[in-house]
Amino acid sequence: VMGWFRQAPGKEREFVAAIRHSDDTWYA
């Protein structure tokens, strides 16, 4: 599973999106 996270200064790393198969995805 491949995922994207993001982190702004002074904040925790947060989930953005993830994908397993082409139509199997998750989004914040």
PDB file of all heavy atoms in Angstrom:
ATOM      1  N   VAL A   1       0.862  -1.171   0.000  1.00  0.00           N
ATOM      2  CA  VAL A   1       0.000   0.000   0.000  1.00  0.00           C
ATOM      3  C   VAL A   1       0.903   1.228   0.000  1.00  0.00           C
ATOM      4  O   VAL A   1       1.869   1.304   0.763  1.00  0.00           O
ATOM      5  CB  VAL A   1      -0.931   0.020   1.220  1.00  0.00           C
ATOM      6  CG1 VAL A   1      -1.670   1.354   1.317  1.00  0.00           C
ATOM      7  CG2 VAL A   1      -1.920  -1.132   1.148  1.00  0.00           C
ATOM      8  N   MET A   2       0.613   2.159  -0.869  1.00  0.00           N
ATOM      9  CA  MET A   2       1.378   3.394  -0.945  1.00  0.00           C
ATOM     10  C   MET A   2       0.526   4.539  -0.413  1.00  0.00           C
ATOM     11  O   MET A   2      -0.653   4.652  -0.757  1.00  0.00           O
ATOM     12  CB  MET A   2       1.813   3.678  -2.374  1.00  0.00           C
ATOM     13  CG  MET A   2       2.656   2.578  -3.003  1.00  0.00           C
ATOM     14  SD  MET A   2       4.211   2.268  -2.121  1.00  0.00           S
ATOM     15  CE  MET A   2       5.029   3.862  -2.268  1.00  0.00           C
ATOM     16  N   GLY A   3       1.136   5.366   0.409  1.00  0.00           N
ATOM     17  CA  GLY A   3       0.404   6.455   1.023  1.00  0.00           C
ATOM     18  C   GLY A   3       1.128   7.776   0.939  1.00  0.00           C
ATOM     19  O   GLY A   3       2.349   7.829   0.778  1.00  0.00           O
ATOM     20  N   TRP A   4       0.345   8.831   1.041  1.00  0.00           N
ATOM     21  CA  TRP A   4       0.867  10.193   1.147  1.00  0.00           C
ATOM     22  C   TRP A   4       0.475  10.769   2.498  1.00  0.00           C
ATOM     23  O   TRP A   4      -0.694  10.698   2.901  1.00  0.00           O
ATOM     24  CB  TRP A   4       0.327  11.091   0.037  1.00  0.00           C
ATOM     25  CG  TRP A   4       0.887  10.813  -1.318  1.00  0.00           C
ATOM     26  CD1 TRP A   4       0.333  10.056  -2.296  1.00  0.00           C
ATOM     27  CD2 TRP A   4       2.115  11.321  -1.852  1.00  0.00           C
ATOM     28  NE1 TRP A   4       1.133  10.047  -3.411  1.00  0.00           N
ATOM     29  CE2 TRP A   4       2.239  10.823  -3.164  1.00  0.00           C
ATOM     30  CE3 TRP A   4       3.125  12.147  -1.348  1.00  0.00           C
ATOM     31  CZ2 TRP A   4       3.332  11.114  -3.987  1.00  0.00           C
ATOM     32  CZ3 TRP A   4       4.212  12.441  -2.158  1.00  0.00           C
ATOM     33  CH2 TRP A   4       4.300  11.924  -3.457  1.00  0.00           C
ATOM     34  N   PHE A   5       1.447  11.323   3.190  1.00  0.00           N
ATOM     35  CA  PHE A   5       1.241  12.059   4.423  1.00  0.00           C
ATOM     36  C   PHE A   5       1.832  13.449   4.256  1.00  0.00           C
ATOM     37  O   PHE A   5       2.646  13.685   3.367  1.00  0.00           O
ATOM     38  CB  PHE A   5       1.904  11.348   5.610  1.00  0.00           C
ATOM     39  CG  PHE A   5       1.193  10.102   6.059  1.00  0.00           C
ATOM     40  CD1 PHE A   5       1.186   8.961   5.284  1.00  0.00           C
ATOM     41  CD2 PHE A   5       0.529  10.078   7.281  1.00  0.00           C
ATOM     42  CE1 PHE A   5       0.538   7.818   5.702  1.00  0.00           C
ATOM     43  CE2 PHE A   5      -0.119   8.931   7.718  1.00  0.00           C
ATOM     44  CZ  PHE A   5      -0.124   7.803   6.917  1.00  0.00           C
ATOM     45  N   ARG A   6       1.439  14.359   5.121  1.00  0.00           N
ATOM     46  CA  ARG A   6       2.005  15.696   5.066  1.00  0.00           C
ATOM     47  C   ARG A   6       2.251  16.212   6.471  1.00  0.00           C
ATOM     48  O   ARG A   6       1.596  15.810   7.430  1.00  0.00           O
ATOM     49  CB  ARG A   6       1.098  16.659   4.292  1.00  0.00           C
ATOM     50  CG  ARG A   6      -0.247  16.927   4.942  1.00  0.00           C
ATOM     51  CD  ARG A   6      -1.139  17.715   3.990  1.00  0.00           C
ATOM     52  NE  ARG A   6      -2.426  18.034   4.594  1.00  0.00           N
ATOM     53  CZ  ARG A   6      -3.442  18.598   3.946  1.00  0.00           C
ATOM     54  NH1 ARG A   6      -3.309  18.906   2.655  1.00  0.00           N
ATOM     55  NH2 ARG A   6      -4.573  18.854   4.572  1.00  0.00           N
ATOM     56  N   GLN A   7       3.191  17.135   6.579  1.00  0.00           N
ATOM     57  CA  GLN A   7       3.537  17.707   7.865  1.00  0.00           C
ATOM     58  C   GLN A   7       3.870  19.180   7.703  1.00  0.00           C
ATOM     59  O   GLN A   7       4.764  19.543   6.937  1.00  0.00           O
ATOM     60  CB  GLN A   7       4.717  16.971   8.496  1.00  0.00           C
ATOM     61  CG  GLN A   7       5.011  17.391   9.924  1.00  0.00           C
ATOM     62  CD  GLN A   7       5.938  16.415  10.624  1.00  0.00           C
ATOM     63  OE1 GLN A   7       6.675  15.674   9.975  1.00  0.00           O
ATOM     64  NE2 GLN A   7       5.897  16.412  11.943  1.00  0.00           N
ATOM     65  N   ALA A   8       3.134  20.007   8.412  1.00  0.00           N
ATOM     66  CA  ALA A   8       3.387  21.432   8.448  1.00  0.00           C
ATOM     67  C   ALA A   8       4.205  21.757   9.690  1.00  0.00           C
ATOM     68  O   ALA A   8       4.182  21.001  10.666  1.00  0.00           O
ATOM     69  CB  ALA A   8       2.075  22.210   8.459  1.00  0.00           C
ATOM     70  N   PRO A   9       4.942  22.874   9.689  1.00  0.00           N
ATOM     71  CA  PRO A   9       5.746  23.238  10.855  1.00  0.00           C
ATOM     72  C   PRO A   9       4.917  23.290  12.136  1.00  0.00           C
ATOM     73  O   PRO A   9       3.850  23.893  12.167  1.00  0.00           O
ATOM     74  CB  PRO A   9       6.284  24.623  10.492  1.00  0.00           C
ATOM     75  CG  PRO A   9       6.322  24.627   9.002  1.00  0.00           C
ATOM     76  CD  PRO A   9       5.116  23.838   8.582  1.00  0.00           C
ATOM     77  N   GLY A  10       5.407  22.634  13.175  1.00  0.00           N
ATOM     78  CA  GLY A  10       4.730  22.627  14.455  1.00  0.00           C
ATOM     79  C   GLY A  10       3.531  21.703  14.550  1.00  0.00           C
ATOM     80  O   GLY A  10       2.855  21.694  15.578  1.00  0.00           O
ATOM     81  N   LYS A  11       3.267  20.922  13.509  1.00  0.00           N
ATOM     82  CA  LYS A  11       2.122  20.027  13.505  1.00  0.00           C
ATOM     83  C   LYS A  11       2.572  18.578  13.344  1.00  0.00           C
ATOM     84  O   LYS A  11       3.682  18.296  12.903  1.00  0.00           O
ATOM     85  CB  LYS A  11       1.154  20.396  12.378  1.00  0.00           C
ATOM     86  CG  LYS A  11       0.556  21.789  12.494  1.00  0.00           C
ATOM     87  CD  LYS A  11      -0.422  22.072  11.374  1.00  0.00           C
ATOM     88  CE  LYS A  11      -1.648  21.179  11.453  1.00  0.00           C
ATOM     89  NZ  LYS A  11      -2.645  21.512  10.390  1.00  0.00           N
ATOM     90  N   GLU A  12       1.677  17.660  13.711  1.00  0.00           N
ATOM     91  CA  GLU A  12       1.947  16.238  13.545  1.00  0.00           C
ATOM     92  C   GLU A  12       1.832  15.851  12.074  1.00  0.00           C
ATOM     93  O   GLU A  12       1.120  16.494  11.295  1.00  0.00           O
ATOM     94  CB  GLU A  12       0.964  15.414  14.373  1.00  0.00           C
ATOM     95  CG  GLU A  12       0.989  15.686  15.865  1.00  0.00           C
ATOM     96  CD  GLU A  12       2.188  15.078  16.541  1.00  0.00           C
ATOM     97  OE1 GLU A  12       2.808  14.164  15.968  1.00  0.00           O
ATOM     98  OE2 GLU A  12       2.518  15.510  17.649  1.00  0.00           O
ATOM     99  N   ARG A  13       2.537  14.793  11.718  1.00  0.00           N
ATOM    100  CA  ARG A  13       2.379  14.244  10.384  1.00  0.00           C
ATOM    101  C   ARG A  13       0.966  13.678  10.247  1.00  0.00           C
ATOM    102  O   ARG A  13       0.515  12.903  11.092  1.00  0.00           O
ATOM    103  CB  ARG A  13       3.421  13.156  10.127  1.00  0.00           C
ATOM    104  CG  ARG A  13       3.403  12.611   8.713  1.00  0.00           C
ATOM    105  CD  ARG A  13       4.569  11.667   8.456  1.00  0.00           C
ATOM    106  NE  ARG A  13       5.850  12.350   8.574  1.00  0.00           N
ATOM    107  CZ  ARG A  13       7.008  11.840   8.162  1.00  0.00           C
ATOM    108  NH1 ARG A  13       7.045  10.640   7.600  1.00  0.00           N
ATOM    109  NH2 ARG A  13       8.127  12.531   8.318  1.00  0.00           N
ATOM    110  N   GLU A  14       0.260  14.053   9.192  1.00  0.00           N
ATOM    111  CA  GLU A  14      -1.123  13.641   9.034  1.00  0.00           C
ATOM    112  C   GLU A  14      -1.348  12.904   7.724  1.00  0.00           C
ATOM    113  O   GLU A  14      -0.714  13.184   6.703  1.00  0.00           O
ATOM    114  CB  GLU A  14      -2.073  14.843   9.121  1.00  0.00           C
ATOM    115  CG  GLU A  14      -1.959  15.830   7.974  1.00  0.00           C
ATOM    116  CD  GLU A  14      -3.026  16.908   8.008  1.00  0.00           C
ATOM    117  OE1 GLU A  14      -3.934  16.840   8.865  1.00  0.00           O
ATOM    118  OE2 GLU A  14      -2.952  17.833   7.174  1.00  0.00           O
ATOM    119  N   PHE A  15      -2.280  11.974   7.776  1.00  0.00           N
ATOM    120  CA  PHE A  15      -2.639  11.175   6.612  1.00  0.00           C
ATOM    121  C   PHE A  15      -3.311  12.032   5.557  1.00  0.00           C
ATOM    122  O   PHE A  15      -4.133  12.896   5.867  1.00  0.00           O
ATOM    123  CB  PHE A  15      -3.583  10.047   7.045  1.00  0.00           C
ATOM    124  CG  PHE A  15      -4.205   9.304   5.904  1.00  0.00           C
ATOM    125  CD1 PHE A  15      -3.483   8.356   5.202  1.00  0.00           C
ATOM    126  CD2 PHE A  15      -5.514   9.554   5.528  1.00  0.00           C
ATOM    127  CE1 PHE A  15      -4.046   7.666   4.149  1.00  0.00           C
ATOM    128  CE2 PHE A  15      -6.093   8.871   4.484  1.00  0.00           C
ATOM    129  CZ  PHE A  15      -5.355   7.929   3.789  1.00  0.00           C
ATOM    130  N   VAL A  16      -2.974  11.778   4.301  1.00  0.00           N
ATOM    131  CA  VAL A  16      -3.589  12.479   3.180  1.00  0.00           C
ATOM    132  C   VAL A  16      -4.360  11.505   2.291  1.00  0.00           C
ATOM    133  O   VAL A  16      -5.561  11.671   2.062  1.00  0.00           O
ATOM    134  CB  VAL A  16      -2.543  13.233   2.338  1.00  0.00           C
ATOM    135  CG1 VAL A  16      -3.197  13.880   1.118  1.00  0.00           C
ATOM    136  CG2 VAL A  16      -1.836  14.282   3.190  1.00  0.00           C
ATOM    137  N   ALA A  17      -3.682  10.481   1.781  1.00  0.00           N
ATOM    138  CA  ALA A  17      -4.303   9.536   0.862  1.00  0.00           C
ATOM    139  C   ALA A  17      -3.478   8.267   0.798  1.00  0.00           C
ATOM    140  O   ALA A  17      -2.287   8.274   1.085  1.00  0.00           O
ATOM    141  CB  ALA A  17      -4.442  10.141  -0.541  1.00  0.00           C
ATOM    142  N   ALA A  18      -4.117   7.162   0.423  1.00  0.00           N
ATOM    143  CA  ALA A  18      -3.420   5.893   0.248  1.00  0.00           C
ATOM    144  C   ALA A  18      -4.092   5.089  -0.848  1.00  0.00           C
ATOM    145  O   ALA A  18      -5.277   5.287  -1.142  1.00  0.00           O
ATOM    146  CB  ALA A  18      -3.396   5.090   1.554  1.00  0.00           C
ATOM    147  N   ILE A  19      -3.328   4.170  -1.429  1.00  0.00           N
ATOM    148  CA  ILE A  19      -3.843   3.333  -2.511  1.00  0.00           C
ATOM    149  C   ILE A  19      -3.245   1.938  -2.419  1.00  0.00           C
ATOM    150  O   ILE A  19      -2.048   1.774  -2.178  1.00  0.00           O
ATOM    151  CB  ILE A  19      -3.566   3.978  -3.887  1.00  0.00           C
ATOM    152  CG1 ILE A  19      -4.174   3.137  -5.014  1.00  0.00           C
ATOM    153  CG2 ILE A  19      -2.070   4.202  -4.098  1.00  0.00           C
ATOM    154  CD1 ILE A  19      -4.204   3.858  -6.354  1.00  0.00           C
ATOM    155  N   ARG A  20      -4.098   0.929  -2.617  1.00  0.00           N
ATOM    156  CA  ARG A  20      -3.644  -0.449  -2.748  1.00  0.00           C
ATOM    157  C   ARG A  20      -3.725  -0.854  -4.223  1.00  0.00           C
ATOM    158  O   ARG A  20      -2.711  -0.974  -4.901  1.00  0.00           O
ATOM    159  CB  ARG A  20      -4.473  -1.388  -1.870  1.00  0.00           C
ATOM    160  CG  ARG A  20      -4.048  -2.841  -1.941  1.00  0.00           C
ATOM    161  CD  ARG A  20      -4.642  -3.640  -0.799  1.00  0.00           C
ATOM    162  NE  ARG A  20      -6.089  -3.545  -0.757  1.00  0.00           N
ATOM    163  CZ  ARG A  20      -6.818  -3.769   0.326  1.00  0.00           C
ATOM    164  NH1 ARG A  20      -6.227  -4.088   1.468  1.00  0.00           N
ATOM    165  NH2 ARG A  20      -8.144  -3.663   0.276  1.00  0.00           N
ATOM    166  N   HIS A  21      -4.934  -1.064  -4.706  1.00  0.00           N
ATOM    167  CA  HIS A  21      -5.173  -1.271  -6.128  1.00  0.00           C
ATOM    168  C   HIS A  21      -5.771  -0.002  -6.704  1.00  0.00           C
ATOM    169  O   HIS A  21      -6.108   0.930  -5.976  1.00  0.00           O
ATOM    170  CB  HIS A  21      -6.097  -2.469  -6.351  1.00  0.00           C
ATOM    171  CG  HIS A  21      -5.636  -3.711  -5.670  1.00  0.00           C
ATOM    172  ND1 HIS A  21      -4.453  -4.343  -5.991  1.00  0.00           N
ATOM    173  CD2 HIS A  21      -6.190  -4.426  -4.657  1.00  0.00           C
ATOM    174  CE1 HIS A  21      -4.307  -5.405  -5.217  1.00  0.00           C
ATOM    175  NE2 HIS A  21      -5.337  -5.474  -4.406  1.00  0.00           N
ATOM    176  N   SER A  22      -5.907   0.014  -8.017  1.00  0.00           N
ATOM    177  CA  SER A  22      -6.325   1.222  -8.716  1.00  0.00           C
ATOM    178  C   SER A  22      -7.617   1.822  -8.169  1.00  0.00           C
ATOM    179  O   SER A  22      -7.745   3.042  -8.081  1.00  0.00           O
ATOM    180  CB  SER A  22      -6.481   0.926 -10.211  1.00  0.00           C
ATOM    181  OG  SER A  22      -5.239   0.626 -10.800  1.00  0.00           O
ATOM    182  N   ASP A  23      -8.574   0.973  -7.801  1.00  0.00           N
ATOM    183  CA  ASP A  23      -9.859   1.449  -7.316  1.00  0.00           C
ATOM    184  C   ASP A  23     -10.042   1.214  -5.826  1.00  0.00           C
ATOM    185  O   ASP A  23     -11.171   1.263  -5.323  1.00  0.00           O
ATOM    186  CB  ASP A  23     -10.999   0.786  -8.095  1.00  0.00           C
ATOM    187  CG  ASP A  23     -10.971   1.126  -9.567  1.00  0.00           C
ATOM    188  OD1 ASP A  23     -10.723   2.303  -9.899  1.00  0.00           O
ATOM    189  OD2 ASP A  23     -11.199   0.216 -10.386  1.00  0.00           O
ATOM    190  N   ASP A  24      -8.975   0.977  -5.108  1.00  0.00           N
ATOM    191  CA  ASP A  24      -8.997   0.740  -3.673  1.00  0.00           C
ATOM    192  C   ASP A  24      -8.177   1.850  -3.020  1.00  0.00           C
ATOM    193  O   ASP A  24      -6.963   1.734  -2.851  1.00  0.00           O
ATOM    194  CB  ASP A  24      -8.424  -0.633  -3.358  1.00  0.00           C
ATOM    195  CG  ASP A  24      -8.718  -1.091  -1.943  1.00  0.00           C
ATOM    196  OD1 ASP A  24      -9.427  -0.378  -1.211  1.00  0.00           O
ATOM    197  OD2 ASP A  24      -8.234  -2.177  -1.581  1.00  0.00           O
ATOM    198  N   THR A  25      -8.861   2.933  -2.661  1.00  0.00           N
ATOM    199  CA  THR A  25      -8.182   4.134  -2.183  1.00  0.00           C
ATOM    200  C   THR A  25      -8.811   4.653  -0.902  1.00  0.00           C
ATOM    201  O   THR A  25      -9.964   4.362  -0.585  1.00  0.00           O
ATOM    202  CB  THR A  25      -8.217   5.250  -3.240  1.00  0.00           C
ATOM    203  OG1 THR A  25      -9.582   5.536  -3.578  1.00  0.00           O
ATOM    204  CG2 THR A  25      -7.475   4.818  -4.503  1.00  0.00           C
ATOM    205  N   TRP A  26      -8.045   5.451  -0.172  1.00  0.00           N
ATOM    206  CA  TRP A  26      -8.483   6.107   1.039  1.00  0.00           C
ATOM    207  C   TRP A  26      -8.067   7.575   0.967  1.00  0.00           C
ATOM    208  O   TRP A  26      -6.991   7.899   0.469  1.00  0.00           O
ATOM    209  CB  TRP A  26      -7.844   5.484   2.281  1.00  0.00           C
ATOM    210  CG  TRP A  26      -8.156   4.042   2.518  1.00  0.00           C
ATOM    211  CD1 TRP A  26      -9.075   3.530   3.374  1.00  0.00           C
ATOM    212  CD2 TRP A  26      -7.498   2.915   1.911  1.00  0.00           C
ATOM    213  NE1 TRP A  26      -9.047   2.150   3.336  1.00  0.00           N
ATOM    214  CE2 TRP A  26      -8.088   1.745   2.450  1.00  0.00           C
ATOM    215  CE3 TRP A  26      -6.474   2.775   0.963  1.00  0.00           C
ATOM    216  CZ2 TRP A  26      -7.691   0.460   2.082  1.00  0.00           C
ATOM    217  CZ3 TRP A  26      -6.079   1.498   0.591  1.00  0.00           C
ATOM    218  CH2 TRP A  26      -6.686   0.364   1.149  1.00  0.00           C
ATOM    219  N   TYR A  27      -8.911   8.469   1.510  1.00  0.00           N
ATOM    220  CA  TYR A  27      -8.610   9.890   1.524  1.00  0.00           C
ATOM    221  C   TYR A  27      -8.985  10.498   2.864  1.00  0.00           C
ATOM    222  O   TYR A  27      -9.993  10.133   3.467  1.00  0.00           O
ATOM    223  CB  TYR A  27      -9.376  10.635   0.436  1.00  0.00           C
ATOM    224  CG  TYR A  27      -8.976  10.270  -0.970  1.00  0.00           C
ATOM    225  CD1 TYR A  27      -9.690   9.325  -1.691  1.00  0.00           C
ATOM    226  CD2 TYR A  27      -7.892  10.885  -1.577  1.00  0.00           C
ATOM    227  CE1 TYR A  27      -9.326   8.989  -2.981  1.00  0.00           C
ATOM    228  CE2 TYR A  27      -7.524  10.556  -2.866  1.00  0.00           C
ATOM    229  CZ  TYR A  27      -8.243   9.606  -3.565  1.00  0.00           C
ATOM    230  OH  TYR A  27      -7.882   9.281  -4.850  1.00  0.00           O
ATOM    231  N   ALA A  28      -8.176  11.441   3.313  1.00  0.00           N
ATOM    232  CA  ALA A  28      -8.562  12.257   4.445  1.00  0.00           C
ATOM    233  C   ALA A  28      -9.751  13.125   4.058  1.00  0.00           C
ATOM    234  O   ALA A  28      -9.871  13.563   2.913  1.00  0.00           O
ATOM    235  CB  ALA A  28      -7.396  13.135   4.891  1.00  0.00           C
TER     236      ALA A  28
END
